[in-house]
């Protein structure tokens, strides 16, 4: 698993190829699946064609699904009220946090940025031309272009946040390192992102509905014969996804403990169920 995440997060294609070779030697079928069926562009940081910054997942919908797990069975209007109330709270909370920031960057980027200053101290920097610098230090040397905001280590290129090589180059060039940071990481962008207020819709009697909408006849959807039993409420899991199940005691039949730790004197004799089972 460590090799997989190293492959995912690799900034340079050379490092990616080395980690991918390790996976191929250990799990050849997995490597073939990732390369031929999934494709590198969908999961590899260095092969992604767009600007991904430091985001390595696109499955943010699952976060909203977990937030609405109890409300998704509500009528449509009630469900929208829940979404509006949650979004209003999120926007207000983040606006308060953004307004309280005193540093030039957002807290997460500032905490990532600060240690790089100390790491860049003492690194050897050679100016190649007015905007290009050769920086030696650490395990990997880099060639930094402070005009185009690039470095051969590729961290600067992908994350849009100066790497250690770029910070060392700014010391030599006597320019502000914050001038090389993407504007999306600044406090100003953080404040603007949550600057608007999400207001409630209000009661239905106060809605301003156009006449062409109010007079439209909406037919009910076609009702199909429902299968017997309780309707399914949980979503279907993805291929290969594991869902954790609680341990079931083989003595009393209760969940949450094993037979050896059971304090019950009597109970069923059913066997334990596995904790992680592919569904």
Protein backbone atom coordinates (compact mmCIF):
# COMPACT_ATOMS: atom_id res chain seq x y z
CA UNK A 1 0.00 0.00 0.00
CA UNK A 2 2.92 2.33 0.73
CA UNK A 3 4.20 1.92 -2.83
CA UNK A 4 0.76 2.72 -4.20
CA UNK A 5 0.44 6.04 -2.36
CA UNK A 6 4.01 6.93 -3.24
CA UNK A 7 3.07 6.32 -6.88
CA UNK A 8 -0.09 8.43 -6.58
CA UNK A 9 1.70 11.38 -4.96
CA UNK A 10 4.86 11.32 -7.09
CA UNK A 11 5.56 14.74 -8.63
CA UNK A 12 8.06 13.57 -11.24
CA UNK A 13 7.38 10.94 -13.90
CA UNK A 14 10.79 9.38 -13.18
CA UNK A 15 9.77 8.69 -9.57
CA UNK A 16 6.36 7.48 -10.72
CA UNK A 17 7.96 4.96 -13.08
CA UNK A 18 10.19 3.63 -10.31
CA UNK A 19 7.30 3.15 -7.88
CA UNK A 20 5.15 1.64 -10.62
CA UNK A 21 7.89 -0.90 -11.33
CA UNK A 22 7.81 -1.96 -7.68
CA UNK A 23 4.05 -2.48 -7.88
CA UNK A 24 4.44 -4.48 -11.09
CA UNK A 25 6.95 -6.83 -9.46
CA UNK A 26 4.72 -7.43 -6.44
CA UNK A 27 1.22 -7.18 -7.93
CA UNK A 28 1.37 -7.57 -11.69
CA UNK A 29 -2.41 -7.79 -12.14
CA UNK A 30 -2.94 -4.63 -10.11
CA UNK A 31 -0.37 -2.76 -12.18
CA UNK A 32 -2.00 -3.93 -15.42
CA UNK A 33 -5.41 -2.82 -14.17
CA UNK A 34 -4.17 0.63 -13.13
CA UNK A 35 -2.39 1.20 -16.43
CA UNK A 36 -4.73 -0.31 -19.01
CA UNK A 37 -8.23 -0.15 -17.50
CA UNK A 38 -8.08 2.89 -15.23
CA UNK A 39 -5.37 4.96 -16.91
CA UNK A 40 -2.63 7.00 -15.22
CA UNK A 41 -4.34 10.35 -15.80
CA UNK A 42 -7.19 9.51 -13.43
CA UNK A 43 -5.15 8.78 -10.33
CA UNK A 44 -1.53 9.88 -10.82
CA UNK A 45 -0.52 13.37 -9.74
CA UNK A 46 2.25 13.78 -12.31
CA UNK A 47 0.14 12.51 -15.24
CA UNK A 48 -2.96 14.59 -14.54
CA UNK A 49 -3.36 16.98 -17.50
CA UNK A 50 -5.00 19.86 -15.59
CA UNK A 51 -4.28 21.88 -12.47
CA UNK A 52 -4.88 19.61 -9.52
CA UNK A 53 -2.89 21.53 -6.90
CA UNK A 54 -2.60 19.29 -3.80
CA UNK A 55 -5.97 17.53 -4.23
CA UNK A 56 -5.70 13.77 -4.79
CA UNK A 57 -9.41 12.86 -4.77
CA UNK A 58 -12.45 13.82 -6.84
CA UNK A 59 -14.99 11.96 -4.73
CA UNK A 60 -16.25 14.97 -2.77
CA UNK A 61 -19.85 13.92 -3.47
CA UNK A 62 -19.48 11.24 -0.81
CA UNK A 63 -18.94 13.97 1.79
CA UNK A 64 -22.28 15.52 0.90
CA UNK A 65 -23.95 12.11 0.87
CA UNK A 66 -22.75 11.42 4.42
CA UNK A 67 -24.01 14.83 5.51
CA UNK A 68 -27.48 14.13 4.05
CA UNK A 69 -27.73 10.50 5.15
CA UNK A 70 -30.63 11.24 7.52
CA UNK A 71 -32.32 13.92 5.41
CA UNK A 72 -32.33 12.36 1.95
CA UNK A 73 -35.64 10.60 2.62
CA UNK A 74 -37.34 13.94 3.34
CA UNK A 75 -39.71 15.56 0.83
CA UNK A 76 -37.90 17.69 -1.73
CA UNK A 77 -38.68 21.05 -0.12
CA UNK A 78 -37.61 19.84 3.33
CA UNK A 79 -34.43 18.35 1.87
CA UNK A 80 -33.54 21.66 0.21
CA UNK A 81 -34.12 23.45 3.52
CA UNK A 82 -31.65 21.10 5.22
CA UNK A 83 -29.05 21.71 2.49
CA UNK A 84 -29.55 25.49 2.71
CA UNK A 85 -29.24 25.52 6.49
CA UNK A 86 -26.06 23.44 6.42
CA UNK A 87 -24.47 25.51 3.65
CA UNK A 88 -25.35 28.76 5.44
CA UNK A 89 -23.63 27.50 8.59
CA UNK A 90 -20.56 26.32 6.67
CA UNK A 91 -20.21 29.64 4.86
CA UNK A 92 -20.58 31.68 8.04
CA UNK A 93 -18.13 29.53 10.05
CA UNK A 94 -15.49 29.67 7.33
CA UNK A 95 -16.00 33.40 6.84
CA UNK A 96 -15.28 33.96 10.53
CA UNK A 97 -12.12 31.84 10.29
CA UNK A 98 -10.99 33.65 7.13
CA UNK A 99 -11.49 37.11 8.62
CA UNK A 100 -9.42 36.17 11.68
CA UNK A 101 -6.35 35.12 9.66
CA UNK A 102 -3.33 37.35 10.20
CA UNK A 103 -0.85 35.50 7.94
CA UNK A 104 -0.67 36.11 4.16
CA UNK A 105 -1.78 32.53 3.35
CA UNK A 106 -4.55 30.21 4.51
CA UNK A 107 -3.73 28.28 7.71
CA UNK A 108 -3.15 24.92 5.99
CA UNK A 109 -0.84 26.39 3.35
CA UNK A 110 0.98 28.54 5.89
CA UNK A 111 1.69 25.51 8.09
CA UNK A 112 3.06 23.69 5.04
CA UNK A 113 5.02 26.72 3.86
CA UNK A 114 6.83 27.73 7.06
CA UNK A 115 9.03 24.61 7.53
CA UNK A 116 10.37 25.07 4.02
CA UNK A 117 12.01 28.36 5.00
CA UNK A 118 14.14 26.67 7.65
CA UNK A 119 14.93 23.78 5.31
CA UNK A 120 16.19 26.14 2.58
CA UNK A 121 18.76 27.81 4.82
CA UNK A 122 22.31 27.04 3.70
CA UNK A 123 21.35 25.63 0.31
CA UNK A 124 23.78 26.56 -2.46
CA UNK A 125 22.23 28.77 -5.13
CA UNK A 126 23.80 29.62 -8.50
CA UNK A 127 22.22 32.23 -10.78
CA UNK A 128 22.12 31.06 -14.40
CA UNK A 129 20.34 34.08 -15.91
CA UNK A 130 18.16 36.93 -14.59
CA UNK A 131 15.25 34.58 -13.70
CA UNK A 132 16.78 31.09 -13.49
CA UNK A 133 18.66 29.59 -10.55
CA UNK A 134 20.36 26.28 -9.91
CA UNK A 135 19.76 25.17 -6.29
CA UNK A 136 21.65 22.35 -4.58
CA UNK A 137 20.57 20.90 -1.28
CA UNK A 138 18.79 17.91 0.20
CA UNK A 139 18.40 14.73 -1.81
CA UNK A 140 17.40 16.42 -5.08
CA UNK A 141 18.78 19.54 -6.74
CA UNK A 142 16.52 21.79 -8.77
CA UNK A 143 16.54 24.45 -11.49
CA UNK A 144 14.07 27.21 -10.62
CA UNK A 145 12.48 29.72 -13.00
CA UNK A 146 11.03 32.46 -10.80
CA UNK A 147 9.39 34.19 -13.80
CA UNK A 148 7.43 31.15 -15.03
CA UNK A 149 7.14 29.76 -11.46
CA UNK A 150 8.55 26.32 -12.24
CA UNK A 151 11.13 23.94 -10.80
CA UNK A 152 12.56 20.69 -12.11
CA UNK A 153 11.40 18.91 -8.93
CA UNK A 154 7.83 19.63 -10.22
CA UNK A 155 6.41 20.44 -6.78
CA UNK A 156 6.30 24.16 -7.64
CA UNK A 157 4.67 23.41 -11.00
CA UNK A 158 1.87 21.20 -9.66
CA UNK A 159 1.08 22.62 -6.22
CA UNK A 160 1.55 26.27 -7.25
CA UNK A 161 3.30 26.75 -3.92
CA UNK A 162 7.07 27.49 -3.91
CA UNK A 163 9.14 24.41 -3.14
CA UNK A 164 12.30 24.51 -1.04
CA UNK A 165 14.39 25.13 -4.16
CA UNK A 166 12.23 28.12 -5.12
CA UNK A 167 12.43 29.58 -1.60
CA UNK A 168 16.23 29.31 -1.70
CA UNK A 169 16.21 31.04 -5.10
CA UNK A 170 14.14 33.96 -3.76
CA UNK A 171 16.73 34.53 -1.03
CA UNK A 172 19.39 34.98 -3.70
CA UNK A 173 17.13 37.01 -6.00
CA UNK A 174 15.93 39.19 -3.12
CA UNK A 175 12.26 38.92 -4.08
CA UNK A 176 9.31 38.15 -1.85
CA UNK A 177 8.55 34.45 -1.81
CA UNK A 178 4.85 35.24 -1.32
CA UNK A 179 4.80 36.85 -4.76
CA UNK A 180 5.32 33.37 -6.24
CA UNK A 181 2.39 31.78 -4.40
CA UNK A 182 -0.83 31.06 -6.29
CA UNK A 183 -3.46 33.70 -5.44
CA UNK A 184 -5.88 30.91 -4.55
CA UNK A 185 -3.83 30.22 -1.40
CA UNK A 186 -4.01 33.77 -0.05
CA UNK A 187 -6.17 35.13 2.74
CA UNK A 188 -7.91 37.47 0.28
CA UNK A 189 -9.10 34.56 -1.86
CA UNK A 190 -10.23 32.67 1.24
CA UNK A 191 -12.32 35.65 2.35
CA UNK A 192 -13.80 36.15 -1.12
CA UNK A 193 -14.69 32.45 -1.41
CA UNK A 194 -17.06 32.75 1.57
CA UNK A 195 -17.89 36.42 1.23
CA UNK A 196 -21.47 35.89 0.06
CA UNK A 197 -24.31 35.02 2.42
CA UNK A 198 -26.65 32.11 1.77
CA UNK A 199 -30.13 33.20 2.83
CA UNK A 200 -33.11 30.94 3.54
CA UNK A 201 -35.73 30.60 0.83
CA UNK A 202 -38.57 31.54 3.18
CA UNK A 203 -42.02 30.10 3.52
CA UNK A 204 -43.80 28.88 0.42
CA UNK A 205 -46.42 31.64 0.72
CA UNK A 206 -43.69 34.25 0.11
CA UNK A 207 -42.33 32.71 -3.06
CA UNK A 208 -42.46 34.81 -6.22
CA UNK A 209 -43.48 32.15 -8.74
CA UNK A 210 -43.88 33.24 -12.39
CA UNK A 211 -47.32 32.58 -13.85
CA UNK A 212 -45.97 30.25 -16.57
CA UNK A 213 -44.52 28.07 -13.82
CA UNK A 214 -47.54 28.23 -11.52
CA UNK A 215 -49.90 27.16 -14.32
CA UNK A 216 -47.75 24.31 -15.55
CA UNK A 217 -49.27 20.88 -15.03
CA UNK A 218 -46.78 18.38 -13.65
CA UNK A 219 -47.87 14.78 -13.96
CA UNK A 220 -46.78 12.23 -11.37
CA UNK A 221 -44.08 9.85 -12.41
CA UNK A 222 -44.97 6.40 -13.65
CA UNK A 223 -45.50 4.07 -10.71
CA UNK A 224 -43.92 0.67 -11.11
CA UNK A 225 -44.84 -2.37 -9.14
CA UNK A 226 -42.55 -2.46 -6.14
CA UNK A 227 -40.81 -5.60 -5.09
CA UNK A 228 -41.74 -7.27 -1.86
CA UNK A 229 -39.89 -6.31 1.30
CA UNK A 230 -38.51 -3.10 2.68
CA UNK A 231 -37.10 -0.69 0.06
CA UNK A 232 -33.33 -0.39 -0.10
CA UNK A 233 -32.07 2.90 1.34
CA UNK A 234 -28.28 2.51 1.22
CA UNK A 235 -26.36 3.00 -2.00
CA UNK A 236 -24.77 0.16 -3.93
CA UNK A 237 -21.03 -0.10 -3.13
CA UNK A 238 -18.41 0.38 -5.80
CA UNK A 239 -16.47 -2.54 -7.24
CA UNK A 240 -13.93 -3.77 -4.70
CA UNK A 241 -15.26 -1.53 -1.95
CA UNK A 242 -15.19 -2.90 1.58
CA UNK A 243 -17.77 -2.10 4.21
CA UNK A 244 -16.86 -2.66 7.79
CA UNK A 245 -19.22 -4.85 9.77
CA UNK A 246 -19.28 -5.25 13.50
CA UNK A 247 -18.03 -8.45 15.02
CA UNK A 248 -20.79 -10.79 16.09
CA UNK A 249 -20.41 -12.96 19.15
CA UNK A 250 -20.70 -16.68 18.45
CA UNK A 251 -22.08 -17.31 21.93
CA UNK A 252 -24.82 -14.75 22.54
CA UNK A 253 -25.33 -13.47 18.99
CA UNK A 254 -24.78 -9.83 19.96
CA UNK A 255 -22.58 -7.48 17.95
CA UNK A 256 -19.49 -5.63 19.12
CA UNK A 257 -17.46 -8.37 20.83
CA UNK A 258 -16.01 -11.85 20.34
CA UNK A 259 -17.03 -15.14 21.88
CA UNK A 260 -13.93 -15.22 24.12
CA UNK A 261 -14.87 -11.87 25.69
CA UNK A 262 -18.56 -12.62 26.06
CA UNK A 263 -19.97 -12.31 29.60
CA UNK A 264 -23.28 -13.95 28.75
CA UNK A 265 -23.94 -17.38 30.28
CA UNK A 266 -26.35 -18.53 27.56
CA UNK A 267 -26.83 -17.64 23.94
CA UNK A 268 -26.82 -18.84 20.38
CA UNK A 269 -24.02 -20.87 18.87
CA UNK A 270 -23.78 -19.02 15.57
CA UNK A 271 -20.29 -18.46 14.19
CA UNK A 272 -18.52 -15.15 14.05
CA UNK A 273 -18.92 -12.95 11.03
CA UNK A 274 -15.87 -11.38 9.41
CA UNK A 275 -15.13 -7.74 10.12
CA UNK A 276 -14.32 -6.68 6.55
CA UNK A 277 -16.17 -8.38 3.73
CA UNK A 278 -16.29 -7.21 0.11
CA UNK A 279 -19.87 -6.46 -0.89
